[in-house]
Amino acid sequence: TYAPEPTALPAADPEHLGELVSDTVLDGARYGACTLRAVSLRGDSARYRGEARRDALLTARFGTGEQALVLVAMATGVRAAPGAHRAAAEACRWIGQAVGRSHERLSEDLRAGRRGDLKSGLNRLTDRTLGKLRAASEEPTASLRCLLLPADPDCRTRIFFGAGEGGLFRLRDGEWLDIEPGEPGGTPPAAGALPAETPDGDRLTLDLGIPVPPSPYEPVVAPAEPPPMPFRFRAAVARPGDVLMMCTSGLADPLRGEAALRAFLGRRWSRAAAPGLAGFLADTRTRVKGYADDRTAAAVWEA
């Protein structure tokens, strides 16, 4: 339907050139037992219409040595909301600041396996971040999804948290599993032919709407408002050879809906080594007819 390469640039304001969003962002790193690849690219529809990328991506390392903590944050601005790309960028920046200020305690809890403290604290940080975006609107203006990765090679725990739509998938032994935490009291999102978590998989933890205790990472300055989007949390233990992928709906939807894309990425990413940055970009931009939204993805290869 659309040309395979960018067509039109978004309109620019000469007084606010710092708000321009590039077509594609690509990043990567290697820490501990994992290799990270991350990308955010403008969808075919936005490229054709000259619209800004509504997805935002942040990758950051806090701390040094084996105590370091790597954060990957991605957000998607609501399509109809004015300044959607700015809301997404602010969500990533604010959650990055909150995690960065508390990274020492977060890293300690992660390595010690204190999942309860992690869940309650990250829930509070997520609520505060999205609450800032809701201050001027009664409706949510962006979804937010994050991964926390320890630099300690002996710690295999990977933490996912956030609120809003998207996907969390694991490639193990050549098979994709949908491990996205579901709605409170419900089931994971419909995944078509994509199998969900197997009974012997990692136990996931959800926010079931119970009151959240004060965050162990930041002092409570005011009660958090009830979030309009359910908080999602998962603490998973990685195995050597696993690939864990977090993504926005722009990639989650075609991965759930198109067996050919699952098979292609499964073959490409089941190799012993993680792809280079150029190869990862080529893989994630594989186009599927009928899916033209922005795509943002972070994948972690386990050694």
C-alpha atoms as a PDB file:
ATOM      1  CA  THR A   1       0.000   0.000   0.000  1.00  0.00           C
ATOM      2  CA  TYR A   2       2.855   2.394   0.845  1.00  0.00           C
ATOM      3  CA  ALA A   3       6.368   2.948  -0.455  1.00  0.00           C
ATOM      4  CA  PRO A   4       9.037   0.954   1.409  1.00  0.00           C
ATOM      5  CA  GLU A   5      11.018   4.068   2.376  1.00  0.00           C
ATOM      6  CA  PRO A   6      10.077   7.386   4.053  1.00  0.00           C
ATOM      7  CA  THR A   7       8.232   9.835   1.817  1.00  0.00           C
ATOM      8  CA  ALA A   8       7.232  13.048   3.618  1.00  0.00           C
ATOM      9  CA  LEU A   9       8.847  14.801   6.581  1.00  0.00           C
ATOM     10  CA  PRO A  10       6.691  16.132   9.435  1.00  0.00           C
ATOM     11  CA  ALA A  11       5.985  19.859   9.401  1.00  0.00           C
ATOM     12  CA  ALA A  12       8.605  21.863  11.348  1.00  0.00           C
ATOM     13  CA  ASP A  13       8.180  24.934  13.535  1.00  0.00           C
ATOM     14  CA  PRO A  14      11.313  27.134  13.298  1.00  0.00           C
ATOM     15  CA  GLU A  15      10.853  28.182  16.935  1.00  0.00           C
ATOM     16  CA  HIS A  16      10.626  24.609  18.241  1.00  0.00           C
ATOM     17  CA  LEU A  17      13.111  22.584  16.204  1.00  0.00           C
ATOM     18  CA  GLY A  18      14.057  20.645  19.324  1.00  0.00           C
ATOM     19  CA  GLU A  19      10.667  18.923  19.179  1.00  0.00           C
ATOM     20  CA  LEU A  20      11.351  17.305  15.800  1.00  0.00           C
ATOM     21  CA  VAL A  21      11.297  13.501  15.912  1.00  0.00           C
ATOM     22  CA  SER A  22      13.607  11.485  13.684  1.00  0.00           C
ATOM     23  CA  ASP A  23      12.167   8.749  11.485  1.00  0.00           C
ATOM     24  CA  THR A  24      14.182   5.976  13.169  1.00  0.00           C
ATOM     25  CA  VAL A  25      16.077   5.468  16.436  1.00  0.00           C
ATOM     26  CA  LEU A  26      18.384   2.471  16.874  1.00  0.00           C
ATOM     27  CA  ASP A  27      20.373   1.383  19.932  1.00  0.00           C
ATOM     28  CA  GLY A  28      22.029  -1.621  21.510  1.00  0.00           C
ATOM     29  CA  ALA A  29      24.271  -2.822  24.338  1.00  0.00           C
ATOM     30  CA  ARG A  30      25.633  -5.892  26.110  1.00  0.00           C
ATOM     31  CA  TYR A  31      25.523  -6.265  29.894  1.00  0.00           C
ATOM     32  CA  GLY A  32      25.692  -9.262  32.158  1.00  0.00           C
ATOM     33  CA  ALA A  33      24.282 -12.307  30.415  1.00  0.00           C
ATOM     34  CA  CYS A  34      22.195 -10.431  27.872  1.00  0.00           C
ATOM     35  CA  THR A  35      22.556  -8.553  24.604  1.00  0.00           C
ATOM     36  CA  LEU A  36      20.076  -5.752  23.962  1.00  0.00           C
ATOM     37  CA  ARG A  37      18.772  -4.451  20.647  1.00  0.00           C
ATOM     38  CA  ALA A  38      16.213  -1.617  20.514  1.00  0.00           C
ATOM     39  CA  VAL A  39      14.558   0.294  17.685  1.00  0.00           C
ATOM     40  CA  SER A  40      11.743   2.782  17.139  1.00  0.00           C
ATOM     41  CA  LEU A  41      10.655   3.559  13.578  1.00  0.00           C
ATOM     42  CA  ARG A  42       7.912   5.565  11.976  1.00  0.00           C
ATOM     43  CA  GLY A  43       5.067   3.571  10.442  1.00  0.00           C
ATOM     44  CA  ASP A  44       4.338   3.467   6.733  1.00  0.00           C
ATOM     45  CA  SER A  45       1.184   5.529   7.177  1.00  0.00           C
ATOM     46  CA  ALA A  46       2.957   8.324   9.081  1.00  0.00           C
ATOM     47  CA  ARG A  47       5.794   8.300   6.555  1.00  0.00           C
ATOM     48  CA  TYR A  48       3.349   8.774   3.709  1.00  0.00           C
ATOM     49  CA  ARG A  49       1.287  11.484   5.439  1.00  0.00           C
ATOM     50  CA  GLY A  50       4.236  13.427   6.805  1.00  0.00           C
ATOM     51  CA  GLU A  51       3.242  12.836  10.444  1.00  0.00           C
ATOM     52  CA  ALA A  52       5.628  12.606  13.375  1.00  0.00           C
ATOM     53  CA  ARG A  53       6.469   9.250  14.926  1.00  0.00           C
ATOM     54  CA  ARG A  54       4.140   8.838  17.932  1.00  0.00           C
ATOM     55  CA  ASP A  55       6.342   6.160  19.494  1.00  0.00           C
ATOM     56  CA  ALA A  56       9.231   7.177  21.739  1.00  0.00           C
ATOM     57  CA  LEU A  57      12.180   5.086  22.951  1.00  0.00           C
ATOM     58  CA  LEU A  58      14.605   5.557  25.827  1.00  0.00           C
ATOM     59  CA  THR A  59      17.567   3.305  26.679  1.00  0.00           C
ATOM     60  CA  ALA A  60      19.628   4.258  29.730  1.00  0.00           C
ATOM     61  CA  ARG A  61      22.182   2.771  32.114  1.00  0.00           C
ATOM     62  CA  PHE A  62      22.239   3.856  35.738  1.00  0.00           C
ATOM     63  CA  GLY A  63      25.166   2.967  37.965  1.00  0.00           C
ATOM     64  CA  THR A  64      28.405   1.137  37.200  1.00  0.00           C
ATOM     65  CA  GLY A  65      29.828  -2.358  37.272  1.00  0.00           C
ATOM     66  CA  GLU A  66      27.679  -5.304  38.261  1.00  0.00           C
ATOM     67  CA  GLN A  67      25.408  -2.983  40.284  1.00  0.00           C
ATOM     68  CA  ALA A  68      24.351  -1.130  37.130  1.00  0.00           C
ATOM     69  CA  LEU A  69      20.746  -1.211  35.977  1.00  0.00           C
ATOM     70  CA  VAL A  70      19.616  -0.873  32.354  1.00  0.00           C
ATOM     71  CA  LEU A  71      16.217   0.652  31.605  1.00  0.00           C
ATOM     72  CA  VAL A  72      14.403   0.395  28.292  1.00  0.00           C
ATOM     73  CA  ALA A  73      11.270   2.536  28.121  1.00  0.00           C
ATOM     74  CA  MET A  74       8.900   2.941  25.198  1.00  0.00           C
ATOM     75  CA  ALA A  75       5.694   4.926  24.905  1.00  0.00           C
ATOM     76  CA  THR A  76       3.012   5.531  22.290  1.00  0.00           C
ATOM     77  CA  GLY A  77       1.050   8.756  22.133  1.00  0.00           C
ATOM     78  CA  VAL A  78      -2.718   8.459  21.620  1.00  0.00           C
ATOM     79  CA  ARG A  79      -3.464   8.969  17.934  1.00  0.00           C
ATOM     80  CA  ALA A  80      -6.160  11.622  18.377  1.00  0.00           C
ATOM     81  CA  ALA A  81      -4.352  13.562  21.100  1.00  0.00           C
ATOM     82  CA  PRO A  82      -2.620  16.814  20.090  1.00  0.00           C
ATOM     83  CA  GLY A  83       1.137  16.596  20.543  1.00  0.00           C
ATOM     84  CA  ALA A  84       1.048  12.811  20.841  1.00  0.00           C
ATOM     85  CA  HIS A  85       4.754  12.500  20.050  1.00  0.00           C
ATOM     86  CA  ARG A  86       5.599  14.969  22.822  1.00  0.00           C
ATOM     87  CA  ALA A  87       3.494  13.045  25.351  1.00  0.00           C
ATOM     88  CA  ALA A  88       5.299   9.820  24.470  1.00  0.00           C
ATOM     89  CA  ALA A  89       8.718  11.440  24.814  1.00  0.00           C
ATOM     90  CA  GLU A  90       7.785  12.988  28.157  1.00  0.00           C
ATOM     91  CA  ALA A  91       6.507   9.655  29.492  1.00  0.00           C
ATOM     92  CA  CYS A  92       9.851   8.023  28.679  1.00  0.00           C
ATOM     93  CA  ARG A  93      11.817  10.922  30.143  1.00  0.00           C
ATOM     94  CA  TRP A  94       9.815  11.062  33.379  1.00  0.00           C
ATOM     95  CA  ILE A  95       9.936   7.326  34.040  1.00  0.00           C
ATOM     96  CA  GLY A  96      13.656   7.411  33.246  1.00  0.00           C
ATOM     97  CA  GLN A  97      14.220  10.149  35.823  1.00  0.00           C
ATOM     98  CA  ALA A  98      12.196   8.260  38.445  1.00  0.00           C
ATOM     99  CA  VAL A  99      14.026   4.974  37.866  1.00  0.00           C
ATOM    100  CA  GLY A 100      17.384   6.729  37.733  1.00  0.00           C
ATOM    101  CA  ARG A 101      16.857   8.393  41.110  1.00  0.00           C
ATOM    102  CA  SER A 102      16.004   5.010  42.669  1.00  0.00           C
ATOM    103  CA  HIS A 103      18.299   2.745  40.671  1.00  0.00           C
ATOM    104  CA  GLU A 104      20.441   1.612  43.608  1.00  0.00           C
ATOM    105  CA  ARG A 105      17.460   0.308  45.581  1.00  0.00           C
ATOM    106  CA  LEU A 106      15.867  -1.132  42.450  1.00  0.00           C
ATOM    107  CA  SER A 107      19.061  -2.978  41.547  1.00  0.00           C
ATOM    108  CA  GLU A 108      19.385  -4.334  45.075  1.00  0.00           C
ATOM    109  CA  ASP A 109      15.771  -5.543  45.154  1.00  0.00           C
ATOM    110  CA  LEU A 110      16.085  -7.078  41.707  1.00  0.00           C
ATOM    111  CA  ARG A 111      19.200  -9.065  42.587  1.00  0.00           C
ATOM    112  CA  ALA A 112      17.654 -10.112  45.909  1.00  0.00           C
ATOM    113  CA  GLY A 113      14.433 -11.253  44.240  1.00  0.00           C
ATOM    114  CA  ARG A 114      12.123  -8.911  46.195  1.00  0.00           C
ATOM    115  CA  ARG A 115       9.295  -9.021  43.659  1.00  0.00           C
ATOM    116  CA  GLY A 116       6.692  -7.574  46.007  1.00  0.00           C
ATOM    117  CA  ASP A 117       8.752  -4.449  46.660  1.00  0.00           C
ATOM    118  CA  LEU A 118       9.518  -4.107  42.969  1.00  0.00           C
ATOM    119  CA  LYS A 119       5.877  -4.414  41.983  1.00  0.00           C
ATOM    120  CA  SER A 120       4.552  -1.883  44.482  1.00  0.00           C
ATOM    121  CA  GLY A 121       7.352   0.600  43.874  1.00  0.00           C
ATOM    122  CA  LEU A 122       7.223   0.453  40.084  1.00  0.00           C
ATOM    123  CA  ASN A 123       3.430   0.694  40.165  1.00  0.00           C
ATOM    124  CA  ARG A 124       3.744   3.953  42.069  1.00  0.00           C
ATOM    125  CA  LEU A 125       6.392   5.333  39.699  1.00  0.00           C
ATOM    126  CA  THR A 126       4.271   4.417  36.679  1.00  0.00           C
ATOM    127  CA  ASP A 127       1.164   6.039  38.161  1.00  0.00           C
ATOM    128  CA  ARG A 128       3.041   9.245  38.865  1.00  0.00           C
ATOM    129  CA  THR A 129       4.515   9.382  35.380  1.00  0.00           C
ATOM    130  CA  LEU A 130       1.193   8.857  33.612  1.00  0.00           C
ATOM    131  CA  GLY A 131      -0.533  11.113  36.146  1.00  0.00           C
ATOM    132  CA  LYS A 132       1.558  14.026  34.918  1.00  0.00           C
ATOM    133  CA  LEU A 133       0.311  13.380  31.400  1.00  0.00           C
ATOM    134  CA  ARG A 134      -3.296  13.186  32.629  1.00  0.00           C
ATOM    135  CA  ALA A 135      -3.027  16.494  34.491  1.00  0.00           C
ATOM    136  CA  ALA A 136      -4.352  18.470  31.522  1.00  0.00           C
ATOM    137  CA  SER A 137      -6.723  15.789  30.216  1.00  0.00           C
ATOM    138  CA  GLU A 138      -9.229  13.322  31.622  1.00  0.00           C
ATOM    139  CA  GLU A 139      -8.147  10.720  29.099  1.00  0.00           C
ATOM    140  CA  PRO A 140      -4.820   8.866  28.936  1.00  0.00           C
ATOM    141  CA  THR A 141      -2.475  10.458  26.413  1.00  0.00           C
ATOM    142  CA  ALA A 142       0.177   7.728  26.147  1.00  0.00           C
ATOM    143  CA  SER A 143       0.866   4.103  26.977  1.00  0.00           C
ATOM    144  CA  LEU A 144       4.141   3.155  28.657  1.00  0.00           C
ATOM    145  CA  ARG A 145       6.129  -0.086  28.708  1.00  0.00           C
ATOM    146  CA  CYS A 146       9.480  -0.711  30.394  1.00  0.00           C
ATOM    147  CA  LEU A 147      12.142  -3.361  30.924  1.00  0.00           C
ATOM    148  CA  LEU A 148      14.680  -3.453  33.753  1.00  0.00           C
ATOM    149  CA  LEU A 149      17.827  -5.494  33.088  1.00  0.00           C
ATOM    150  CA  PRO A 150      20.550  -6.068  35.711  1.00  0.00           C
ATOM    151  CA  ALA A 151      24.202  -5.861  34.696  1.00  0.00           C
ATOM    152  CA  ASP A 152      25.025  -8.615  37.215  1.00  0.00           C
ATOM    153  CA  PRO A 153      25.694 -11.748  35.090  1.00  0.00           C
ATOM    154  CA  ASP A 154      24.526 -13.980  37.971  1.00  0.00           C
ATOM    155  CA  CYS A 155      21.093 -12.346  38.081  1.00  0.00           C
ATOM    156  CA  ARG A 156      18.713 -13.782  35.472  1.00  0.00           C
ATOM    157  CA  THR A 157      15.599 -11.881  36.552  1.00  0.00           C
ATOM    158  CA  ARG A 158      14.069  -9.544  33.953  1.00  0.00           C
ATOM    159  CA  ILE A 159      11.415  -7.060  35.038  1.00  0.00           C
ATOM    160  CA  PHE A 160       8.629  -5.809  32.777  1.00  0.00           C
ATOM    161  CA  PHE A 161       6.204  -3.090  33.901  1.00  0.00           C
ATOM    162  CA  GLY A 162       3.957  -0.421  32.470  1.00  0.00           C
ATOM    163  CA  ALA A 163       0.410   0.401  31.411  1.00  0.00           C
ATOM    164  CA  GLY A 164      -1.336   0.313  28.069  1.00  0.00           C
ATOM    165  CA  GLU A 165      -1.399  -1.790  24.933  1.00  0.00           C
ATOM    166  CA  GLY A 166       1.506  -3.584  23.321  1.00  0.00           C
ATOM    167  CA  GLY A 167       3.162  -6.950  23.599  1.00  0.00           C
ATOM    168  CA  LEU A 168       5.598  -9.020  25.629  1.00  0.00           C
ATOM    169  CA  PHE A 169       6.844 -12.169  23.912  1.00  0.00           C
ATOM    170  CA  ARG A 170       9.434 -14.847  24.512  1.00  0.00           C
ATOM    171  CA  LEU A 171      11.156 -16.937  21.868  1.00  0.00           C
ATOM    172  CA  ARG A 172      12.235 -20.254  23.390  1.00  0.00           C
ATOM    173  CA  ASP A 173      13.313 -23.362  21.485  1.00  0.00           C
ATOM    174  CA  GLY A 174      12.129 -21.787  18.242  1.00  0.00           C
ATOM    175  CA  GLU A 175       8.577 -21.111  19.498  1.00  0.00           C
ATOM    176  CA  TRP A 176       7.036 -17.728  20.243  1.00  0.00           C
ATOM    177  CA  LEU A 177       5.033 -17.437  23.465  1.00  0.00           C
ATOM    178  CA  ASP A 178       2.725 -14.538  24.318  1.00  0.00           C
ATOM    179  CA  ILE A 179       3.547 -13.685  27.931  1.00  0.00           C
ATOM    180  CA  GLU A 180       1.817 -10.294  28.112  1.00  0.00           C
ATOM    181  CA  PRO A 181       0.225  -9.864  31.557  1.00  0.00           C
ATOM    182  CA  GLY A 182      -3.562  -9.781  31.194  1.00  0.00           C
ATOM    183  CA  GLU A 183      -6.231  -7.419  32.467  1.00  0.00           C
ATOM    184  CA  PRO A 184      -7.065  -7.594  36.181  1.00  0.00           C
ATOM    185  CA  GLY A 185      -9.239 -10.624  36.771  1.00  0.00           C
ATOM    186  CA  GLY A 186      -9.056 -11.546  33.102  1.00  0.00           C
ATOM    187  CA  THR A 187      -6.859 -13.347  30.623  1.00  0.00           C
ATOM    188  CA  PRO A 188      -3.976 -12.249  28.420  1.00  0.00           C
ATOM    189  CA  PRO A 189      -4.929 -10.388  25.236  1.00  0.00           C
ATOM    190  CA  ALA A 190      -6.241 -12.468  22.355  1.00  0.00           C
ATOM    191  CA  ALA A 191      -3.294 -13.873  20.464  1.00  0.00           C
ATOM    192  CA  GLY A 192      -4.850 -15.744  17.558  1.00  0.00           C
ATOM    193  CA  ALA A 193      -2.685 -18.748  16.744  1.00  0.00           C
ATOM    194  CA  LEU A 194       0.158 -17.506  18.918  1.00  0.00           C
ATOM    195  CA  PRO A 195       0.399 -19.773  22.004  1.00  0.00           C
ATOM    196  CA  ALA A 196       0.221 -18.124  25.411  1.00  0.00           C
ATOM    197  CA  GLU A 197       2.266 -18.969  28.475  1.00  0.00           C
ATOM    198  CA  THR A 198       2.596 -22.680  29.122  1.00  0.00           C
ATOM    199  CA  PRO A 199       1.607 -24.068  32.547  1.00  0.00           C
ATOM    200  CA  ASP A 200       5.259 -24.695  33.447  1.00  0.00           C
ATOM    201  CA  GLY A 201       6.315 -21.164  32.537  1.00  0.00           C
ATOM    202  CA  ASP A 202       7.280 -18.414  34.922  1.00  0.00           C
ATOM    203  CA  ARG A 203       4.634 -17.331  37.399  1.00  0.00           C
ATOM    204  CA  LEU A 204       3.471 -13.835  36.534  1.00  0.00           C
ATOM    205  CA  THR A 205       2.356 -11.152  38.949  1.00  0.00           C
ATOM    206  CA  LEU A 206      -0.517  -8.750  38.202  1.00  0.00           C
ATOM    207  CA  ASP A 207      -2.014  -5.690  39.795  1.00  0.00           C
ATOM    208  CA  LEU A 208      -5.531  -6.832  40.689  1.00  0.00           C
ATOM    209  CA  GLY A 209      -6.822  -3.406  41.651  1.00  0.00           C
ATOM    210  CA  ILE A 210      -5.865  -3.647  45.334  1.00  0.00           C
ATOM    211  CA  PRO A 211      -4.504  -0.525  47.095  1.00  0.00           C
ATOM    212  CA  VAL A 212      -0.850   0.067  46.347  1.00  0.00           C
ATOM    213  CA  PRO A 213       1.424   0.540  49.392  1.00  0.00           C
ATOM    214  CA  PRO A 214       3.815   3.490  49.439  1.00  0.00           C
ATOM    215  CA  SER A 215       6.727   3.189  47.056  1.00  0.00           C
ATOM    216  CA  PRO A 216       9.940   1.932  48.674  1.00  0.00           C
ATOM    217  CA  TYR A 217      11.917   3.993  46.151  1.00  0.00           C
ATOM    218  CA  GLU A 218      10.559   7.537  46.519  1.00  0.00           C
ATOM    219  CA  PRO A 219       8.835   9.380  49.382  1.00  0.00           C
ATOM    220  CA  VAL A 220       5.083   9.725  49.030  1.00  0.00           C
ATOM    221  CA  VAL A 221       4.188  13.331  48.241  1.00  0.00           C
ATOM    222  CA  ALA A 222       0.508  12.809  47.431  1.00  0.00           C
ATOM    223  CA  PRO A 223      -1.860   9.863  46.967  1.00  0.00           C
ATOM    224  CA  ALA A 224      -1.699   8.474  43.460  1.00  0.00           C
ATOM    225  CA  GLU A 225      -4.906   8.734  41.430  1.00  0.00           C
ATOM    226  CA  PRO A 226      -6.490   5.452  40.311  1.00  0.00           C
ATOM    227  CA  PRO A 227      -4.869   4.634  36.965  1.00  0.00           C
ATOM    228  CA  PRO A 228      -7.224   4.597  33.965  1.00  0.00           C
ATOM    229  CA  MET A 229      -5.106   1.804  32.444  1.00  0.00           C
ATOM    230  CA  PRO A 230      -4.306  -1.349  34.429  1.00  0.00           C
ATOM    231  CA  PHE A 231      -0.754  -1.618  35.695  1.00  0.00           C
ATOM    232  CA  ARG A 232       1.097  -4.555  34.144  1.00  0.00           C
ATOM    233  CA  PHE A 233       3.996  -6.269  35.880  1.00  0.00           C
ATOM    234  CA  ARG A 234       5.999  -9.397  35.287  1.00  0.00           C
ATOM    235  CA  ALA A 235       9.177 -10.764  36.817  1.00  0.00           C
ATOM    236  CA  ALA A 236      10.573 -13.529  34.611  1.00  0.00           C
ATOM    237  CA  VAL A 237      13.650 -15.716  34.953  1.00  0.00           C
ATOM    238  CA  ALA A 238      15.577 -16.014  31.698  1.00  0.00           C
ATOM    239  CA  ARG A 239      17.168 -19.192  30.399  1.00  0.00           C
ATOM    240  CA  PRO A 240      20.222 -19.343  28.118  1.00  0.00           C
ATOM    241  CA  GLY A 241      19.029 -19.145  24.522  1.00  0.00           C
ATOM    242  CA  ASP A 242      15.854 -17.195  25.306  1.00  0.00           C
ATOM    243  CA  VAL A 243      14.891 -14.050  23.428  1.00  0.00           C
ATOM    244  CA  LEU A 244      12.589 -11.686  25.321  1.00  0.00           C
ATOM    245  CA  MET A 245      10.885  -8.988  23.248  1.00  0.00           C
ATOM    246  CA  MET A 246       8.843  -6.010  24.436  1.00  0.00           C
ATOM    247  CA  CYS A 247       7.112  -3.939  21.782  1.00  0.00           C
ATOM    248  CA  THR A 248       4.375  -1.448  21.049  1.00  0.00           C
ATOM    249  CA  SER A 249       1.157  -2.420  19.278  1.00  0.00           C
ATOM    250  CA  GLY A 250       2.665  -1.579  15.897  1.00  0.00           C
ATOM    251  CA  LEU A 251       4.699  -4.797  16.061  1.00  0.00           C
ATOM    252  CA  ALA A 252       2.655  -6.777  18.600  1.00  0.00           C
ATOM    253  CA  ASP A 253      -0.466  -6.788  16.395  1.00  0.00           C
ATOM    254  CA  PRO A 254       1.156  -8.237  13.247  1.00  0.00           C
ATOM    255  CA  LEU A 255       3.185 -10.689  15.315  1.00  0.00           C
ATOM    256  CA  ARG A 256      -0.004 -11.993  16.908  1.00  0.00           C
ATOM    257  CA  GLY A 257      -1.968 -11.944  13.664  1.00  0.00           C
ATOM    258  CA  GLU A 258       0.461 -13.160  10.990  1.00  0.00           C
ATOM    259  CA  ALA A 259       2.044 -16.607  11.220  1.00  0.00           C
ATOM    260  CA  ALA A 260       4.495 -15.771   8.422  1.00  0.00           C
ATOM    261  CA  LEU A 261       6.012 -12.914  10.412  1.00  0.00           C
ATOM    262  CA  ARG A 262       6.337 -15.099  13.527  1.00  0.00           C
ATOM    263  CA  ALA A 263       8.058 -17.803  11.514  1.00  0.00           C
ATOM    264  CA  PHE A 264      10.425 -15.337   9.835  1.00  0.00           C
ATOM    265  CA  LEU A 265      11.522 -13.636  13.053  1.00  0.00           C
ATOM    266  CA  GLY A 266      11.671 -16.985  14.829  1.00  0.00           C
ATOM    267  CA  ARG A 267      14.160 -18.306  12.277  1.00  0.00           C
ATOM    268  CA  ARG A 268      16.215 -15.113  12.270  1.00  0.00           C
ATOM    269  CA  TRP A 269      16.405 -14.723  16.042  1.00  0.00           C
ATOM    270  CA  SER A 270      16.915 -18.364  17.025  1.00  0.00           C
ATOM    271  CA  ARG A 271      20.538 -18.183  15.942  1.00  0.00           C
ATOM    272  CA  ALA A 272      23.258 -18.409  18.571  1.00  0.00           C
ATOM    273  CA  ALA A 273      24.278 -14.744  18.378  1.00  0.00           C
ATOM    274  CA  ALA A 274      22.129 -11.631  18.472  1.00  0.00           C
ATOM    275  CA  PRO A 275      21.922  -9.759  15.155  1.00  0.00           C
ATOM    276  CA  GLY A 276      23.882  -6.558  14.679  1.00  0.00           C
ATOM    277  CA  LEU A 277      22.101  -3.235  14.753  1.00  0.00           C
ATOM    278  CA  ALA A 278      21.584  -3.140  10.986  1.00  0.00           C
ATOM    279  CA  GLY A 279      20.243  -6.690  10.944  1.00  0.00           C
ATOM    280  CA  PHE A 280      17.878  -6.006  13.838  1.00  0.00           C
ATOM    281  CA  LEU A 281      16.542  -2.916  12.075  1.00  0.00           C
ATOM    282  CA  ALA A 282      15.973  -4.879   8.877  1.00  0.00           C
ATOM    283  CA  ASP A 283      14.147  -7.627  10.765  1.00  0.00           C
ATOM    284  CA  THR A 284      11.835  -5.365  12.752  1.00  0.00           C
ATOM    285  CA  ARG A 285      10.855  -3.279   9.720  1.00  0.00           C
ATOM    286  CA  THR A 286       9.665  -6.357   7.784  1.00  0.00           C
ATOM    287  CA  ARG A 287       6.366  -5.111   6.419  1.00  0.00           C
ATOM    288  CA  VAL A 288       3.021  -6.896   6.598  1.00  0.00           C
ATOM    289  CA  LYS A 289       0.107  -5.661   4.518  1.00  0.00           C
ATOM    290  CA  GLY A 290      -2.599  -4.074   6.661  1.00  0.00           C
ATOM    291  CA  TYR A 291      -0.240  -2.990   9.456  1.00  0.00           C
ATOM    292  CA  ALA A 292       1.153   0.518   9.017  1.00  0.00           C
ATOM    293  CA  ASP A 293       1.602   1.933  12.552  1.00  0.00           C
ATOM    294  CA  ASP A 294       4.840   2.968  14.234  1.00  0.00           C
ATOM    295  CA  ARG A 295       6.937   0.066  15.490  1.00  0.00           C
ATOM    296  CA  THR A 296       9.064   0.120  18.609  1.00  0.00           C
ATOM    297  CA  ALA A 297      10.723  -3.003  19.962  1.00  0.00           C
ATOM    298  CA  ALA A 298      13.409  -4.039  22.434  1.00  0.00           C
ATOM    299  CA  ALA A 299      14.748  -7.594  22.297  1.00  0.00           C
ATOM    300  CA  VAL A 300      17.109  -9.286  24.763  1.00  0.00           C
ATOM    301  CA  TRP A 301      19.223 -12.283  23.779  1.00  0.00           C
ATOM    302  CA  GLU A 302      20.325 -14.476  26.693  1.00  0.00           C
ATOM    303  CA  ALA A 303      23.815 -16.019  26.645  1.00  0.00           C
END
